[in-house]
N, C-alpha and C. Protein backbone atom coordinates (compact mmCIF):
# COMPACT_ATOMS: atom_id res chain seq x y z
N MET A 1 0.84 -1.18 0.00
CA MET A 1 0.00 0.00 0.00
C MET A 1 0.88 1.25 0.00
N GLU A 2 0.59 2.15 -0.89
CA GLU A 2 1.34 3.40 -0.98
C GLU A 2 0.97 4.33 0.18
N PRO A 3 1.95 5.05 0.74
CA PRO A 3 1.60 6.01 1.79
C PRO A 3 0.79 7.16 1.20
N PRO A 4 -0.05 7.78 2.00
CA PRO A 4 -0.84 8.90 1.50
C PRO A 4 0.06 10.04 1.02
N ASP A 5 -0.32 10.68 -0.07
CA ASP A 5 0.46 11.79 -0.60
C ASP A 5 -0.21 13.11 -0.23
N PHE A 6 -0.02 13.51 1.03
CA PHE A 6 -0.60 14.75 1.51
C PHE A 6 0.02 15.96 0.84
N VAL A 7 1.30 15.85 0.49
CA VAL A 7 1.99 16.98 -0.11
C VAL A 7 1.36 17.31 -1.46
N GLU A 8 1.21 16.31 -2.30
CA GLU A 8 0.61 16.56 -3.62
C GLU A 8 -0.81 17.05 -3.49
N ALA A 9 -1.59 16.45 -2.62
CA ALA A 9 -3.01 16.77 -2.53
C ALA A 9 -3.27 18.13 -1.90
N PHE A 10 -2.61 18.44 -0.80
CA PHE A 10 -2.98 19.61 -0.03
C PHE A 10 -1.91 20.69 0.08
N VAL A 11 -0.64 20.30 0.12
CA VAL A 11 0.41 21.29 0.31
C VAL A 11 0.74 22.01 -0.98
N GLN A 12 0.86 21.29 -2.08
CA GLN A 12 1.21 21.95 -3.35
C GLN A 12 0.22 23.04 -3.74
N PRO A 13 -1.10 22.84 -3.57
CA PRO A 13 -2.00 23.96 -3.87
C PRO A 13 -1.72 25.20 -3.02
N LEU A 14 -1.39 25.00 -1.74
CA LEU A 14 -1.07 26.14 -0.89
C LEU A 14 0.22 26.81 -1.32
N GLU A 15 1.20 26.00 -1.69
CA GLU A 15 2.46 26.58 -2.19
C GLU A 15 2.20 27.41 -3.44
N GLY A 16 1.31 26.93 -4.29
CA GLY A 16 0.98 27.66 -5.51
C GLY A 16 0.32 29.00 -5.23
N LEU A 17 -0.38 29.10 -4.11
CA LEU A 17 -1.05 30.34 -3.73
C LEU A 17 -0.14 31.30 -2.98
N ALA A 18 0.99 30.79 -2.52
CA ALA A 18 1.91 31.56 -1.68
C ALA A 18 1.20 32.05 -0.42
N MET A 19 0.31 31.20 0.14
CA MET A 19 -0.33 31.50 1.42
C MET A 19 0.54 30.92 2.53
N GLU A 20 0.65 31.65 3.63
CA GLU A 20 1.45 31.16 4.74
C GLU A 20 0.71 30.05 5.48
N TYR A 21 1.41 28.96 5.71
CA TYR A 21 0.84 27.81 6.39
C TYR A 21 1.96 27.06 7.10
N VAL A 22 1.59 26.20 8.04
CA VAL A 22 2.51 25.23 8.61
C VAL A 22 1.76 23.91 8.76
N VAL A 23 2.45 22.83 8.46
CA VAL A 23 1.93 21.49 8.69
C VAL A 23 2.25 21.13 10.12
N THR A 24 1.28 20.54 10.80
CA THR A 24 1.46 20.15 12.19
C THR A 24 0.79 18.79 12.42
N GLY A 25 0.43 18.47 13.62
CA GLY A 25 -0.29 17.23 13.92
C GLY A 25 0.51 15.98 13.63
N GLY A 26 -0.20 14.93 13.18
CA GLY A 26 0.41 13.62 12.94
C GLY A 26 1.49 13.63 11.89
N VAL A 27 1.30 14.40 10.81
CA VAL A 27 2.32 14.44 9.75
C VAL A 27 3.61 15.05 10.30
N ALA A 28 3.50 16.14 11.07
CA ALA A 28 4.69 16.74 11.67
C ALA A 28 5.31 15.81 12.71
N ALA A 29 4.47 15.07 13.44
CA ALA A 29 4.99 14.11 14.42
C ALA A 29 5.79 13.03 13.72
N VAL A 30 5.38 12.64 12.52
CA VAL A 30 6.12 11.66 11.73
C VAL A 30 7.46 12.26 11.28
N VAL A 31 7.45 13.53 10.86
CA VAL A 31 8.68 14.20 10.41
C VAL A 31 9.71 14.23 11.53
N TYR A 32 9.29 14.55 12.76
CA TYR A 32 10.21 14.72 13.87
C TYR A 32 10.35 13.50 14.76
N GLY A 33 9.47 12.51 14.58
CA GLY A 33 9.46 11.37 15.48
C GLY A 33 9.45 10.05 14.74
N ASP A 34 8.52 9.21 15.10
CA ASP A 34 8.44 7.85 14.61
C ASP A 34 7.41 7.75 13.49
N PRO A 35 7.78 7.16 12.36
CA PRO A 35 6.80 7.00 11.29
C PRO A 35 5.60 6.19 11.75
N ARG A 36 4.43 6.71 11.47
CA ARG A 36 3.19 6.01 11.76
C ARG A 36 2.18 6.41 10.71
N PHE A 37 1.13 5.64 10.59
CA PHE A 37 0.11 5.91 9.59
C PHE A 37 -0.84 7.00 10.09
N THR A 38 -1.22 7.89 9.20
CA THR A 38 -2.23 8.90 9.51
C THR A 38 -3.07 9.12 8.27
N ARG A 39 -4.36 9.36 8.46
CA ARG A 39 -5.28 9.56 7.33
C ARG A 39 -5.61 11.03 7.10
N ASP A 40 -4.99 11.92 7.87
CA ASP A 40 -5.27 13.34 7.65
C ASP A 40 -3.99 14.15 7.85
N ILE A 41 -4.08 15.38 7.43
CA ILE A 41 -2.99 16.32 7.63
C ILE A 41 -3.58 17.54 8.31
N ASP A 42 -2.90 18.02 9.35
CA ASP A 42 -3.33 19.23 10.05
C ASP A 42 -2.50 20.39 9.52
N ILE A 43 -3.20 21.46 9.15
CA ILE A 43 -2.54 22.63 8.58
C ILE A 43 -3.05 23.86 9.32
N VAL A 44 -2.12 24.70 9.79
CA VAL A 44 -2.48 26.02 10.31
C VAL A 44 -2.22 27.00 9.18
N LEU A 45 -3.23 27.80 8.86
CA LEU A 45 -3.19 28.66 7.67
C LEU A 45 -3.50 30.10 8.05
N ARG A 46 -2.74 31.01 7.51
CA ARG A 46 -3.09 32.43 7.62
C ARG A 46 -4.06 32.71 6.47
N LEU A 47 -5.33 32.85 6.83
CA LEU A 47 -6.38 33.03 5.82
C LEU A 47 -7.25 34.21 6.22
N ASP A 48 -7.32 35.20 5.37
CA ASP A 48 -8.26 36.31 5.54
C ASP A 48 -9.52 36.00 4.74
N ALA A 49 -10.64 36.53 5.20
CA ALA A 49 -11.92 36.28 4.53
C ALA A 49 -11.86 36.65 3.04
N VAL A 50 -11.13 37.71 2.71
CA VAL A 50 -11.05 38.13 1.30
C VAL A 50 -10.29 37.13 0.43
N ASP A 51 -9.47 36.27 1.07
CA ASP A 51 -8.71 35.26 0.32
C ASP A 51 -9.45 33.94 0.15
N ALA A 52 -10.65 33.83 0.73
CA ALA A 52 -11.40 32.58 0.66
C ALA A 52 -11.64 32.11 -0.77
N PRO A 53 -12.04 32.98 -1.71
CA PRO A 53 -12.25 32.50 -3.08
C PRO A 53 -10.98 31.96 -3.73
N ARG A 54 -9.86 32.62 -3.47
CA ARG A 54 -8.58 32.17 -4.01
C ARG A 54 -8.21 30.80 -3.44
N PHE A 55 -8.44 30.63 -2.13
CA PHE A 55 -8.16 29.35 -1.49
C PHE A 55 -9.03 28.26 -2.12
N ALA A 56 -10.32 28.49 -2.22
CA ALA A 56 -11.25 27.48 -2.76
C ALA A 56 -10.89 27.12 -4.20
N ALA A 57 -10.51 28.10 -4.98
CA ALA A 57 -10.20 27.86 -6.40
C ALA A 57 -8.93 27.03 -6.58
N ALA A 58 -8.09 26.95 -5.57
CA ALA A 58 -6.84 26.18 -5.67
C ALA A 58 -7.09 24.68 -5.68
N PHE A 59 -8.29 24.26 -5.27
CA PHE A 59 -8.63 22.84 -5.19
C PHE A 59 -9.73 22.53 -6.20
N ASP A 60 -9.42 21.64 -7.14
CA ASP A 60 -10.36 21.25 -8.19
C ASP A 60 -11.65 20.71 -7.55
N SER A 61 -12.76 21.37 -7.84
CA SER A 61 -14.04 21.01 -7.20
C SER A 61 -14.53 19.61 -7.57
N LYS A 62 -14.04 19.05 -8.65
CA LYS A 62 -14.43 17.66 -9.00
C LYS A 62 -13.69 16.66 -8.12
N ARG A 63 -12.48 17.00 -7.73
CA ARG A 63 -11.68 16.09 -6.91
C ARG A 63 -11.82 16.36 -5.41
N PHE A 64 -11.98 17.63 -5.03
CA PHE A 64 -11.95 17.99 -3.62
C PHE A 64 -13.27 18.57 -3.15
N TYR A 65 -13.63 18.21 -1.93
CA TYR A 65 -14.70 18.93 -1.25
C TYR A 65 -14.02 20.08 -0.51
N VAL A 66 -14.49 21.28 -0.77
CA VAL A 66 -14.07 22.48 -0.05
C VAL A 66 -15.36 23.13 0.44
N PRO A 67 -15.40 23.58 1.68
CA PRO A 67 -16.63 24.22 2.17
C PRO A 67 -17.05 25.39 1.29
N PRO A 68 -18.33 25.72 1.31
CA PRO A 68 -18.80 26.88 0.54
C PRO A 68 -18.08 28.16 0.98
N LEU A 69 -18.03 29.13 0.08
CA LEU A 69 -17.31 30.38 0.36
C LEU A 69 -17.79 31.07 1.63
N ASP A 70 -19.11 31.08 1.86
CA ASP A 70 -19.61 31.71 3.08
C ASP A 70 -19.02 31.06 4.33
N ALA A 71 -18.93 29.74 4.31
CA ALA A 71 -18.36 29.02 5.46
C ALA A 71 -16.87 29.33 5.60
N LEU A 72 -16.14 29.36 4.49
CA LEU A 72 -14.71 29.70 4.55
C LEU A 72 -14.50 31.10 5.12
N ARG A 73 -15.30 32.04 4.64
CA ARG A 73 -15.17 33.43 5.13
C ARG A 73 -15.48 33.50 6.63
N ARG A 74 -16.54 32.80 7.06
CA ARG A 74 -16.92 32.79 8.47
C ARG A 74 -15.78 32.22 9.33
N GLU A 75 -15.20 31.10 8.90
CA GLU A 75 -14.12 30.47 9.66
C GLU A 75 -12.88 31.36 9.67
N ALA A 76 -12.62 32.05 8.58
CA ALA A 76 -11.48 32.97 8.54
C ALA A 76 -11.68 34.12 9.52
N ARG A 77 -12.89 34.65 9.60
CA ARG A 77 -13.16 35.78 10.51
C ARG A 77 -13.08 35.35 11.97
N ARG A 78 -13.52 34.14 12.27
CA ARG A 78 -13.55 33.72 13.68
C ARG A 78 -12.33 32.88 14.06
N ALA A 79 -11.37 32.74 13.14
CA ALA A 79 -10.18 31.92 13.39
C ALA A 79 -10.60 30.51 13.77
N GLY A 80 -11.50 29.95 13.00
CA GLY A 80 -12.01 28.61 13.24
C GLY A 80 -11.25 27.56 12.46
N HIS A 81 -11.97 26.53 12.07
CA HIS A 81 -11.34 25.46 11.28
C HIS A 81 -12.37 24.85 10.33
N PHE A 82 -11.83 24.13 9.34
CA PHE A 82 -12.68 23.47 8.35
C PHE A 82 -11.87 22.33 7.73
N ASN A 83 -12.55 21.51 6.94
CA ASN A 83 -11.91 20.38 6.28
C ASN A 83 -11.92 20.56 4.77
N VAL A 84 -10.88 20.06 4.14
CA VAL A 84 -10.82 19.87 2.70
C VAL A 84 -10.62 18.37 2.50
N ILE A 85 -11.45 17.76 1.65
CA ILE A 85 -11.43 16.30 1.50
C ILE A 85 -11.17 15.94 0.05
N ASP A 86 -10.22 15.04 -0.16
CA ASP A 86 -9.91 14.51 -1.48
C ASP A 86 -10.90 13.38 -1.76
N ARG A 87 -11.81 13.61 -2.68
CA ARG A 87 -12.86 12.62 -2.98
C ARG A 87 -12.29 11.33 -3.57
N GLU A 88 -11.14 11.42 -4.25
CA GLU A 88 -10.55 10.24 -4.88
C GLU A 88 -9.92 9.29 -3.86
N THR A 89 -9.28 9.85 -2.83
CA THR A 89 -8.53 9.02 -1.90
C THR A 89 -9.15 8.95 -0.50
N GLY A 90 -10.03 9.89 -0.19
CA GLY A 90 -10.59 9.97 1.15
C GLY A 90 -9.67 10.70 2.12
N LEU A 91 -8.52 11.16 1.66
CA LEU A 91 -7.62 11.92 2.53
C LEU A 91 -8.26 13.24 2.91
N ARG A 92 -7.92 13.72 4.11
CA ARG A 92 -8.54 14.93 4.62
C ARG A 92 -7.49 15.88 5.17
N ALA A 93 -7.69 17.16 4.91
CA ALA A 93 -6.89 18.21 5.54
C ALA A 93 -7.77 18.91 6.56
N ASP A 94 -7.31 18.92 7.81
CA ASP A 94 -7.96 19.70 8.86
C ASP A 94 -7.23 21.04 8.87
N VAL A 95 -7.93 22.09 8.46
CA VAL A 95 -7.32 23.40 8.30
C VAL A 95 -7.77 24.30 9.46
N TYR A 96 -6.80 24.83 10.19
CA TYR A 96 -7.05 25.71 11.33
C TYR A 96 -6.57 27.11 10.94
N VAL A 97 -7.43 28.09 11.07
CA VAL A 97 -7.07 29.46 10.73
C VAL A 97 -6.27 30.05 11.89
N ALA A 98 -5.12 30.63 11.59
CA ALA A 98 -4.19 31.09 12.62
C ALA A 98 -4.79 32.17 13.51
N GLY A 99 -5.51 33.11 12.95
CA GLY A 99 -6.09 34.18 13.75
C GLY A 99 -5.03 34.88 14.59
N SER A 100 -5.37 35.18 15.84
CA SER A 100 -4.44 35.91 16.70
C SER A 100 -3.80 35.01 17.76
N ASP A 101 -3.93 33.70 17.63
CA ASP A 101 -3.36 32.76 18.59
C ASP A 101 -1.84 32.96 18.67
N PRO A 102 -1.32 33.31 19.85
CA PRO A 102 0.12 33.59 19.95
C PRO A 102 1.01 32.37 19.67
N LEU A 103 0.54 31.18 20.02
CA LEU A 103 1.34 29.98 19.75
C LEU A 103 1.42 29.72 18.24
N HIS A 104 0.33 29.94 17.53
CA HIS A 104 0.38 29.81 16.06
C HIS A 104 1.41 30.78 15.48
N HIS A 105 1.37 32.02 15.93
CA HIS A 105 2.30 33.02 15.39
C HIS A 105 3.75 32.68 15.74
N TRP A 106 3.97 32.15 16.94
CA TRP A 106 5.29 31.70 17.34
C TRP A 106 5.77 30.60 16.39
N ALA A 107 4.87 29.67 16.04
CA ALA A 107 5.22 28.57 15.12
C ALA A 107 5.57 29.09 13.73
N PHE A 108 4.84 30.09 13.24
CA PHE A 108 5.14 30.64 11.92
C PHE A 108 6.54 31.27 11.90
N GLU A 109 6.91 31.93 12.98
CA GLU A 109 8.24 32.56 13.05
C GLU A 109 9.36 31.52 13.03
N ARG A 110 9.08 30.31 13.49
CA ARG A 110 10.12 29.27 13.62
C ARG A 110 9.91 28.08 12.69
N ARG A 111 9.02 28.21 11.74
CA ARG A 111 8.72 27.08 10.85
C ARG A 111 9.96 26.63 10.11
N ARG A 112 9.89 25.40 9.67
CA ARG A 112 10.99 24.80 8.92
C ARG A 112 10.50 24.46 7.51
N ILE A 113 11.31 24.78 6.54
CA ILE A 113 10.97 24.49 5.15
C ILE A 113 11.70 23.21 4.76
N LEU A 114 10.94 22.19 4.38
CA LEU A 114 11.51 20.90 3.99
C LEU A 114 11.27 20.66 2.52
N GLU A 115 12.17 19.92 1.91
CA GLU A 115 12.00 19.46 0.54
C GLU A 115 11.71 17.96 0.60
N LEU A 116 10.55 17.55 0.14
CA LEU A 116 10.17 16.14 0.11
C LEU A 116 9.80 15.76 -1.31
N ALA A 117 10.54 14.82 -1.85
CA ALA A 117 10.29 14.35 -3.22
C ALA A 117 10.18 15.53 -4.19
N GLY A 118 11.06 16.49 -4.03
CA GLY A 118 11.09 17.63 -4.94
C GLY A 118 10.04 18.68 -4.66
N ALA A 119 9.24 18.52 -3.61
CA ALA A 119 8.20 19.49 -3.28
C ALA A 119 8.56 20.19 -1.98
N ARG A 120 8.16 21.43 -1.87
CA ARG A 120 8.42 22.25 -0.68
C ARG A 120 7.27 22.09 0.30
N MET A 121 7.60 22.04 1.61
CA MET A 121 6.57 21.96 2.63
C MET A 121 7.04 22.74 3.86
N SER A 122 6.16 23.59 4.38
CA SER A 122 6.42 24.37 5.58
C SER A 122 5.88 23.59 6.77
N VAL A 123 6.77 23.26 7.72
CA VAL A 123 6.39 22.42 8.86
C VAL A 123 6.60 23.23 10.15
N ALA A 124 5.64 23.11 11.06
CA ALA A 124 5.76 23.76 12.36
C ALA A 124 6.99 23.20 13.06
N PRO A 125 7.63 24.00 13.92
CA PRO A 125 8.81 23.49 14.64
C PRO A 125 8.40 22.38 15.60
N PRO A 126 9.32 21.49 15.94
CA PRO A 126 8.97 20.36 16.81
C PRO A 126 8.46 20.79 18.18
N GLU A 127 8.95 21.91 18.68
CA GLU A 127 8.48 22.40 19.98
C GLU A 127 6.97 22.69 19.94
N TYR A 128 6.53 23.32 18.85
CA TYR A 128 5.10 23.60 18.67
C TYR A 128 4.30 22.31 18.59
N VAL A 129 4.81 21.34 17.84
CA VAL A 129 4.11 20.06 17.70
C VAL A 129 3.96 19.41 19.08
N ILE A 130 5.01 19.44 19.87
CA ILE A 130 4.94 18.90 21.22
C ILE A 130 3.86 19.61 22.03
N LEU A 131 3.87 20.92 22.01
CA LEU A 131 2.91 21.69 22.81
C LEU A 131 1.47 21.41 22.39
N ARG A 132 1.21 21.35 21.10
CA ARG A 132 -0.16 21.06 20.64
C ARG A 132 -0.54 19.63 21.01
N LYS A 133 0.40 18.70 20.89
CA LYS A 133 0.11 17.31 21.27
C LYS A 133 -0.22 17.22 22.77
N LEU A 134 0.47 18.00 23.59
CA LEU A 134 0.15 18.03 25.02
C LEU A 134 -1.25 18.58 25.25
N GLN A 135 -1.62 19.62 24.51
CA GLN A 135 -2.98 20.16 24.62
C GLN A 135 -4.01 19.12 24.18
N TYR A 136 -3.74 18.45 23.07
CA TYR A 136 -4.68 17.43 22.57
C TYR A 136 -4.83 16.30 23.59
N HIS A 137 -3.72 15.92 24.24
CA HIS A 137 -3.81 14.88 25.26
C HIS A 137 -4.67 15.36 26.43
N ARG A 138 -4.46 16.59 26.85
CA ARG A 138 -5.26 17.14 27.95
C ARG A 138 -6.74 17.13 27.59
N ASP A 139 -7.05 17.49 26.35
CA ASP A 139 -8.45 17.59 25.93
C ASP A 139 -9.10 16.24 25.67
N SER A 140 -8.33 15.28 25.17
CA SER A 140 -8.92 14.00 24.75
C SER A 140 -8.56 12.82 25.64
N GLY A 141 -7.43 12.91 26.33
CA GLY A 141 -6.96 11.78 27.11
C GLY A 141 -6.28 10.71 26.28
N SER A 142 -6.18 10.91 24.97
CA SER A 142 -5.61 9.90 24.08
C SER A 142 -4.10 9.76 24.31
N GLU A 143 -3.67 8.52 24.53
CA GLU A 143 -2.24 8.25 24.72
C GLU A 143 -1.44 8.38 23.44
N ARG A 144 -2.11 8.37 22.29
CA ARG A 144 -1.42 8.53 21.01
C ARG A 144 -0.59 9.82 21.02
N HIS A 145 -1.13 10.87 21.64
CA HIS A 145 -0.42 12.15 21.69
C HIS A 145 0.81 12.07 22.58
N LEU A 146 0.70 11.35 23.71
CA LEU A 146 1.86 11.15 24.56
C LEU A 146 2.94 10.36 23.83
N ARG A 147 2.51 9.34 23.09
CA ARG A 147 3.47 8.54 22.32
C ARG A 147 4.17 9.41 21.28
N ASP A 148 3.41 10.24 20.58
CA ASP A 148 4.02 11.14 19.59
C ASP A 148 5.07 12.04 20.24
N VAL A 149 4.73 12.62 21.40
CA VAL A 149 5.68 13.50 22.09
C VAL A 149 6.92 12.71 22.51
N ALA A 150 6.71 11.54 23.09
CA ALA A 150 7.85 10.71 23.52
C ALA A 150 8.75 10.36 22.35
N MET A 151 8.18 10.07 21.20
CA MET A 151 8.99 9.73 20.02
C MET A 151 9.71 10.96 19.46
N ILE A 152 9.07 12.12 19.51
CA ILE A 152 9.77 13.34 19.08
C ILE A 152 10.96 13.59 20.00
N LEU A 153 10.76 13.41 21.30
CA LEU A 153 11.86 13.59 22.24
C LEU A 153 12.99 12.60 21.96
N ARG A 154 12.62 11.36 21.65
CA ARG A 154 13.63 10.32 21.39
C ARG A 154 14.39 10.59 20.09
N VAL A 155 13.67 10.92 19.03
CA VAL A 155 14.29 11.04 17.70
C VAL A 155 14.91 12.42 17.48
N SER A 156 14.23 13.48 17.91
CA SER A 156 14.67 14.85 17.61
C SER A 156 15.05 15.65 18.85
N GLY A 157 15.19 14.98 19.98
CA GLY A 157 15.44 15.68 21.24
C GLY A 157 16.62 16.62 21.22
N ASP A 158 17.69 16.25 20.49
CA ASP A 158 18.88 17.09 20.44
C ASP A 158 18.67 18.35 19.62
N GLN A 159 17.56 18.44 18.88
CA GLN A 159 17.27 19.61 18.05
C GLN A 159 16.29 20.57 18.72
N LEU A 160 15.78 20.21 19.91
CA LEU A 160 14.74 20.99 20.57
C LEU A 160 15.32 22.11 21.41
N ASP A 161 14.60 23.21 21.45
CA ASP A 161 14.92 24.29 22.37
C ASP A 161 14.05 24.06 23.61
N MET A 162 14.62 23.38 24.59
CA MET A 162 13.86 22.98 25.77
C MET A 162 13.44 24.18 26.61
N SER A 163 14.17 25.29 26.52
CA SER A 163 13.75 26.48 27.27
C SER A 163 12.45 27.05 26.68
N ASP A 164 12.30 26.99 25.36
CA ASP A 164 11.05 27.41 24.73
C ASP A 164 9.91 26.50 25.15
N VAL A 165 10.15 25.19 25.14
CA VAL A 165 9.13 24.23 25.55
C VAL A 165 8.71 24.52 26.99
N ALA A 166 9.68 24.68 27.88
CA ALA A 166 9.37 24.92 29.30
C ALA A 166 8.56 26.21 29.48
N ALA A 167 8.93 27.26 28.77
CA ALA A 167 8.22 28.54 28.90
C ALA A 167 6.77 28.41 28.44
N TRP A 168 6.56 27.74 27.30
CA TRP A 168 5.20 27.57 26.79
C TRP A 168 4.40 26.59 27.64
N VAL A 169 5.04 25.55 28.16
CA VAL A 169 4.35 24.61 29.05
C VAL A 169 3.79 25.38 30.24
N GLU A 170 4.59 26.25 30.82
CA GLU A 170 4.12 27.04 31.96
C GLU A 170 3.02 28.00 31.52
N ARG A 171 3.23 28.69 30.43
CA ARG A 171 2.25 29.68 29.95
C ARG A 171 0.90 29.03 29.65
N LEU A 172 0.92 27.81 29.12
CA LEU A 172 -0.31 27.12 28.73
C LEU A 172 -0.87 26.20 29.82
N GLY A 173 -0.18 26.13 30.94
CA GLY A 173 -0.66 25.29 32.04
C GLY A 173 -0.63 23.80 31.70
N LEU A 174 0.45 23.36 31.06
CA LEU A 174 0.57 21.98 30.61
C LEU A 174 1.58 21.17 31.42
N GLY A 175 1.87 21.59 32.63
CA GLY A 175 2.89 20.92 33.42
C GLY A 175 2.62 19.44 33.65
N ALA A 176 1.40 19.08 34.01
CA ALA A 176 1.07 17.68 34.27
C ALA A 176 1.21 16.85 33.00
N GLU A 177 0.73 17.37 31.89
CA GLU A 177 0.82 16.64 30.61
C GLU A 177 2.28 16.49 30.17
N TRP A 178 3.08 17.52 30.38
CA TRP A 178 4.49 17.48 30.01
C TRP A 178 5.22 16.42 30.84
N ALA A 179 4.92 16.37 32.13
CA ALA A 179 5.54 15.35 32.99
C ALA A 179 5.15 13.95 32.53
N ARG A 180 3.87 13.75 32.18
CA ARG A 180 3.43 12.43 31.68
C ARG A 180 4.15 12.06 30.39
N ALA A 181 4.28 13.03 29.49
CA ALA A 181 4.93 12.75 28.20
C ALA A 181 6.40 12.41 28.39
N GLN A 182 7.08 13.11 29.27
CA GLN A 182 8.50 12.84 29.50
C GLN A 182 8.71 11.47 30.13
N ALA A 183 7.75 11.00 30.90
CA ALA A 183 7.87 9.69 31.56
C ALA A 183 7.31 8.55 30.70
N TYR A 184 6.66 8.89 29.61
CA TYR A 184 5.98 7.88 28.79
C TYR A 184 6.98 6.99 28.07
N ASP A 185 6.77 5.70 28.13
CA ASP A 185 7.64 4.74 27.42
C ASP A 185 6.91 4.28 26.15
N PRO A 186 7.35 4.73 24.99
CA PRO A 186 6.65 4.38 23.75
C PRO A 186 6.96 2.99 23.21
N SER A 187 7.88 2.25 23.86
CA SER A 187 8.24 0.94 23.30
C SER A 187 7.19 -0.11 23.50
């Protein structure tokens, strides 16, 4: 079975628009940690309501489900989220509008540009991925997020700015989740 091609389906259209985005979630956890299967890609996007038509037009309406323009504009104004779905493969992009969230803006300042199979992809820094995974664990209780954090620490730990992680952990009130993730044994 071929791995999902999130870059071709969702990232290349964004690159073509020159819209600022970062890939995060499971795909970023794979980049910085342990390869695992995921059926979606999480993208944080700087999207203004006036750019909604341009965004929608980047995805062929026969192949992709994109929410109606009114919904895109509404989500852009409220810094919400929406899905783009590839009808051919069933792959999904969970798109989160950056809005004024300070952690999103911090991630954009520190994003990493990767070349994968000749394509460019903007990825959130591993510290951001860790922090969001800690938040997701707090909200859902899912151990998958702890495992992702533990694997990022194992594989990319020497590349992390631990002072940034510590500062954001305190700012976001994630001390208990951070302690659980550091003690988690992913083996």
